[in-house]
Amino acid sequence: MTVTITIRDVPEDVRDALSEDARRQGQSLQAFLLGMLTRQARFARNRRILAAVERELAGGDGAGPDAPDAAQVLAAARAQRNGGRPDSDSAG
């Protein structure tokens, strides 16, 4: 479902700058602004996710001191994927 958003009292110079950016990208002003709004919504969603992770970590959740090193976990996963053979992409 889509909705209509109206923005009033946009200064002409702002509209002109946005129109020029849209033209350079081969888009209509509407398509250009929709892309901007979509990216902003994604950024907002990502900020909420990061804030939730930060709260969890501040609460003491997360890996403990005896947790394996990330490189060890990746190496084990790659070895399992390759049937026990070292990963050909590994530098080492």
N, C-alpha and C. Protein backbone atom coordinates (compact mmCIF):
# COMPACT_ATOMS: atom_id res chain seq x y z
N MET A 1 0.84 -1.17 0.00
CA MET A 1 0.00 0.00 0.00
C MET A 1 0.89 1.24 0.00
N THR A 2 0.52 2.21 -0.75
CA THR A 2 1.28 3.46 -0.79
C THR A 2 0.43 4.59 -0.24
N VAL A 3 1.11 5.65 0.17
CA VAL A 3 0.44 6.85 0.67
C VAL A 3 1.01 8.05 -0.08
N THR A 4 0.32 9.16 0.03
CA THR A 4 0.78 10.40 -0.58
C THR A 4 1.31 11.30 0.52
N ILE A 5 2.47 11.87 0.30
CA ILE A 5 3.08 12.82 1.23
C ILE A 5 3.19 14.15 0.50
N THR A 6 2.74 15.21 1.15
CA THR A 6 2.83 16.55 0.58
C THR A 6 3.75 17.39 1.47
N ILE A 7 4.68 18.09 0.86
CA ILE A 7 5.56 19.00 1.59
C ILE A 7 5.28 20.40 1.07
N ARG A 8 4.87 21.27 1.96
CA ARG A 8 4.53 22.64 1.58
C ARG A 8 5.68 23.58 1.90
N ASP A 9 5.64 24.73 1.26
CA ASP A 9 6.56 25.84 1.55
C ASP A 9 8.02 25.48 1.32
N VAL A 10 8.29 24.71 0.28
CA VAL A 10 9.67 24.39 -0.09
C VAL A 10 10.23 25.59 -0.84
N PRO A 11 11.35 26.13 -0.39
CA PRO A 11 11.95 27.27 -1.10
C PRO A 11 12.32 26.87 -2.54
N GLU A 12 12.19 27.84 -3.45
CA GLU A 12 12.46 27.56 -4.86
C GLU A 12 13.88 27.05 -5.08
N ASP A 13 14.85 27.63 -4.37
CA ASP A 13 16.23 27.20 -4.58
C ASP A 13 16.43 25.74 -4.14
N VAL A 14 15.72 25.31 -3.12
CA VAL A 14 15.80 23.91 -2.69
C VAL A 14 15.18 23.01 -3.76
N ARG A 15 14.00 23.38 -4.24
CA ARG A 15 13.35 22.61 -5.30
C ARG A 15 14.23 22.54 -6.54
N ASP A 16 14.84 23.68 -6.90
CA ASP A 16 15.69 23.71 -8.08
C ASP A 16 16.90 22.80 -7.92
N ALA A 17 17.51 22.81 -6.75
CA ALA A 17 18.68 21.96 -6.51
C ALA A 17 18.30 20.49 -6.57
N LEU A 18 17.18 20.13 -5.96
CA LEU A 18 16.72 18.74 -6.00
C LEU A 18 16.35 18.32 -7.42
N SER A 19 15.70 19.20 -8.15
CA SER A 19 15.34 18.90 -9.54
C SER A 19 16.58 18.68 -10.38
N GLU A 20 17.60 19.48 -10.16
CA GLU A 20 18.86 19.33 -10.91
C GLU A 20 19.52 17.99 -10.58
N ASP A 21 19.56 17.64 -9.30
CA ASP A 21 20.13 16.34 -8.91
C ASP A 21 19.36 15.19 -9.55
N ALA A 22 18.04 15.30 -9.56
CA ALA A 22 17.20 14.26 -10.17
C ALA A 22 17.50 14.16 -11.66
N ARG A 23 17.59 15.30 -12.33
CA ARG A 23 17.86 15.32 -13.76
C ARG A 23 19.20 14.66 -14.06
N ARG A 24 20.22 14.96 -13.27
CA ARG A 24 21.55 14.38 -13.48
C ARG A 24 21.53 12.86 -13.35
N GLN A 25 20.62 12.36 -12.53
CA GLN A 25 20.52 10.91 -12.34
C GLN A 25 19.49 10.28 -13.28
N GLY A 26 18.94 11.10 -14.17
CA GLY A 26 17.99 10.58 -15.14
C GLY A 26 16.66 10.18 -14.52
N GLN A 27 16.28 10.87 -13.46
CA GLN A 27 15.04 10.54 -12.76
C GLN A 27 14.11 11.74 -12.72
N SER A 28 12.84 11.45 -12.52
CA SER A 28 11.90 12.53 -12.23
C SER A 28 12.15 12.99 -10.80
N LEU A 29 11.69 14.17 -10.49
CA LEU A 29 11.83 14.67 -9.12
C LEU A 29 11.12 13.73 -8.15
N GLN A 30 9.96 13.24 -8.54
CA GLN A 30 9.20 12.33 -7.68
C GLN A 30 9.99 11.05 -7.40
N ALA A 31 10.57 10.44 -8.42
CA ALA A 31 11.34 9.21 -8.24
C ALA A 31 12.58 9.48 -7.39
N PHE A 32 13.23 10.60 -7.63
CA PHE A 32 14.42 10.97 -6.87
C PHE A 32 14.09 11.13 -5.39
N LEU A 33 13.01 11.86 -5.09
CA LEU A 33 12.62 12.08 -3.69
C LEU A 33 12.14 10.79 -3.03
N LEU A 34 11.45 9.94 -3.77
CA LEU A 34 11.04 8.65 -3.22
C LEU A 34 12.27 7.82 -2.83
N GLY A 35 13.30 7.86 -3.67
CA GLY A 35 14.54 7.16 -3.34
C GLY A 35 15.18 7.71 -2.08
N MET A 36 15.18 9.03 -1.94
CA MET A 36 15.74 9.65 -0.74
C MET A 36 14.96 9.23 0.51
N LEU A 37 13.64 9.24 0.42
CA LEU A 37 12.82 8.85 1.56
C LEU A 37 13.01 7.38 1.91
N THR A 38 13.13 6.55 0.90
CA THR A 38 13.34 5.12 1.12
C THR A 38 14.67 4.87 1.83
N ARG A 39 15.73 5.54 1.38
CA ARG A 39 17.04 5.39 2.03
C ARG A 39 16.98 5.87 3.48
N GLN A 40 16.31 6.99 3.70
CA GLN A 40 16.20 7.53 5.06
C GLN A 40 15.47 6.54 5.97
N ALA A 41 14.42 5.92 5.46
CA ALA A 41 13.68 4.93 6.25
C ALA A 41 14.56 3.74 6.59
N ARG A 42 15.39 3.31 5.65
CA ARG A 42 16.32 2.20 5.93
C ARG A 42 17.33 2.60 6.99
N PHE A 43 17.87 3.81 6.89
CA PHE A 43 18.82 4.28 7.89
C PHE A 43 18.18 4.31 9.27
N ALA A 44 16.94 4.77 9.35
CA ALA A 44 16.24 4.83 10.64
C ALA A 44 16.06 3.42 11.20
N ARG A 45 15.69 2.47 10.35
CA ARG A 45 15.52 1.08 10.79
C ARG A 45 16.86 0.52 11.28
N ASN A 46 17.95 0.82 10.55
CA ASN A 46 19.27 0.34 10.97
C ASN A 46 19.68 0.95 12.30
N ARG A 47 19.37 2.24 12.51
CA ARG A 47 19.70 2.87 13.79
C ARG A 47 18.97 2.19 14.93
N ARG A 48 17.71 1.81 14.71
CA ARG A 48 16.95 1.12 15.76
C ARG A 48 17.57 -0.24 16.06
N ILE A 49 17.99 -0.95 15.03
CA ILE A 49 18.63 -2.26 15.23
C ILE A 49 19.92 -2.09 16.02
N LEU A 50 20.74 -1.12 15.62
CA LEU A 50 22.00 -0.89 16.33
C LEU A 50 21.77 -0.48 17.78
N ALA A 51 20.75 0.32 18.03
CA ALA A 51 20.43 0.72 19.40
C ALA A 51 20.02 -0.50 20.23
N ALA A 52 19.27 -1.41 19.64
CA ALA A 52 18.87 -2.63 20.36
C ALA A 52 20.09 -3.49 20.68
N VAL A 53 21.00 -3.63 19.73
CA VAL A 53 22.23 -4.39 19.97
C VAL A 53 23.05 -3.74 21.07
N GLU A 54 23.16 -2.42 21.02
CA GLU A 54 23.91 -1.69 22.04
C GLU A 54 23.30 -1.91 23.42
N ARG A 55 21.97 -1.89 23.52
CA ARG A 55 21.31 -2.13 24.81
C ARG A 55 21.60 -3.54 25.31
N GLU A 56 21.57 -4.53 24.41
CA GLU A 56 21.86 -5.91 24.80
C GLU A 56 23.29 -6.04 25.30
N LEU A 57 24.22 -5.43 24.59
CA LEU A 57 25.62 -5.52 25.01
C LEU A 57 25.85 -4.80 26.33
N ALA A 58 25.19 -3.66 26.53
CA ALA A 58 25.33 -2.93 27.78
C ALA A 58 24.75 -3.73 28.94
N GLY A 59 23.78 -4.59 28.66
CA GLY A 59 23.17 -5.42 29.69
C GLY A 59 24.00 -6.64 30.01
N GLY A 60 25.15 -6.78 29.41
CA GLY A 60 26.03 -7.91 29.71
C GLY A 60 25.86 -9.09 28.77
N ASP A 61 24.96 -8.98 27.82
CA ASP A 61 24.80 -10.07 26.85
C ASP A 61 25.97 -10.02 25.87
N GLY A 62 26.15 -11.08 25.16
CA GLY A 62 27.22 -11.13 24.17
C GLY A 62 28.22 -12.22 24.51
N ALA A 63 29.29 -12.25 23.78
CA ALA A 63 30.29 -13.28 23.95
C ALA A 63 31.06 -13.07 25.25
N GLY A 64 31.35 -14.17 25.91
CA GLY A 64 32.13 -14.11 27.14
C GLY A 64 33.61 -14.20 26.84
N PRO A 65 34.44 -14.13 27.87
CA PRO A 65 35.89 -14.15 27.66
C PRO A 65 36.41 -15.47 27.10
N ASP A 66 35.63 -16.55 27.26
CA ASP A 66 36.08 -17.84 26.74
C ASP A 66 35.51 -18.14 25.36
N ALA A 67 34.86 -17.16 24.74
CA ALA A 67 34.30 -17.36 23.40
C ALA A 67 35.43 -17.52 22.39
N PRO A 68 35.22 -18.36 21.36
CA PRO A 68 36.27 -18.55 20.36
C PRO A 68 36.50 -17.28 19.54
N ASP A 69 37.69 -17.17 19.04
CA ASP A 69 38.05 -16.07 18.16
C ASP A 69 37.24 -16.18 16.87
N ALA A 70 36.82 -15.05 16.33
CA ALA A 70 36.01 -15.06 15.10
C ALA A 70 36.74 -15.77 13.96
N ALA A 71 38.05 -15.60 13.87
CA ALA A 71 38.81 -16.26 12.81
C ALA A 71 38.75 -17.78 12.97
N GLN A 72 38.76 -18.26 14.21
CA GLN A 72 38.66 -19.70 14.45
C GLN A 72 37.29 -20.23 14.02
N VAL A 73 36.25 -19.49 14.34
CA VAL A 73 34.90 -19.90 13.96
C VAL A 73 34.77 -19.96 12.44
N LEU A 74 35.28 -18.94 11.75
CA LEU A 74 35.23 -18.92 10.29
C LEU A 74 36.03 -20.06 9.68
N ALA A 75 37.22 -20.31 10.22
CA ALA A 75 38.05 -21.39 9.70
C ALA A 75 37.36 -22.74 9.86
N ALA A 76 36.74 -22.96 11.02
CA ALA A 76 36.03 -24.22 11.25
C ALA A 76 34.84 -24.37 10.31
N ALA A 77 34.10 -23.29 10.09
CA ALA A 77 32.95 -23.34 9.19
C ALA A 77 33.40 -23.61 7.76
N ARG A 78 34.49 -22.99 7.35
CA ARG A 78 35.00 -23.22 5.99
C ARG A 78 35.49 -24.66 5.83
N ALA A 79 36.18 -25.17 6.85
CA ALA A 79 36.67 -26.55 6.77
C ALA A 79 35.50 -27.52 6.69
N GLN A 80 34.45 -27.27 7.46
CA GLN A 80 33.28 -28.14 7.42
C GLN A 80 32.62 -28.07 6.04
N ARG A 81 32.52 -26.88 5.49
CA ARG A 81 31.92 -26.69 4.17
C ARG A 81 32.72 -27.42 3.09
N ASN A 82 34.04 -27.45 3.25
CA ASN A 82 34.93 -28.05 2.25
C ASN A 82 35.26 -29.50 2.56
N GLY A 83 34.51 -30.14 3.45
CA GLY A 83 34.76 -31.54 3.77
C GLY A 83 36.08 -31.75 4.49
N GLY A 84 36.50 -30.80 5.29
CA GLY A 84 37.72 -30.93 6.07
C GLY A 84 38.96 -30.40 5.38
N ARG A 85 38.84 -30.05 4.09
CA ARG A 85 39.98 -29.50 3.37
C ARG A 85 40.12 -28.02 3.68
N PRO A 86 41.35 -27.51 3.74
CA PRO A 86 41.53 -26.06 3.95
C PRO A 86 40.88 -25.28 2.83
N ASP A 87 40.42 -24.10 3.15
CA ASP A 87 39.78 -23.23 2.16
C ASP A 87 40.82 -22.73 1.18
N SER A 88 40.55 -22.87 -0.11
CA SER A 88 41.52 -22.44 -1.13
C SER A 88 41.67 -20.94 -1.16
N ASP A 89 40.68 -20.19 -0.60
CA ASP A 89 40.77 -18.73 -0.57
C ASP A 89 41.56 -18.24 0.63
N SER A 90 41.91 -19.13 1.55
CA SER A 90 42.61 -18.72 2.76
C SER A 90 44.03 -18.31 2.44
N ALA A 91 44.45 -17.25 3.08
CA ALA A 91 45.85 -16.84 2.97
C ALA A 91 46.53 -17.36 4.22
N GLY A 92 47.35 -18.38 4.12
CA GLY A 92 47.94 -18.80 5.36
C GLY A 92 48.65 -20.03 5.22
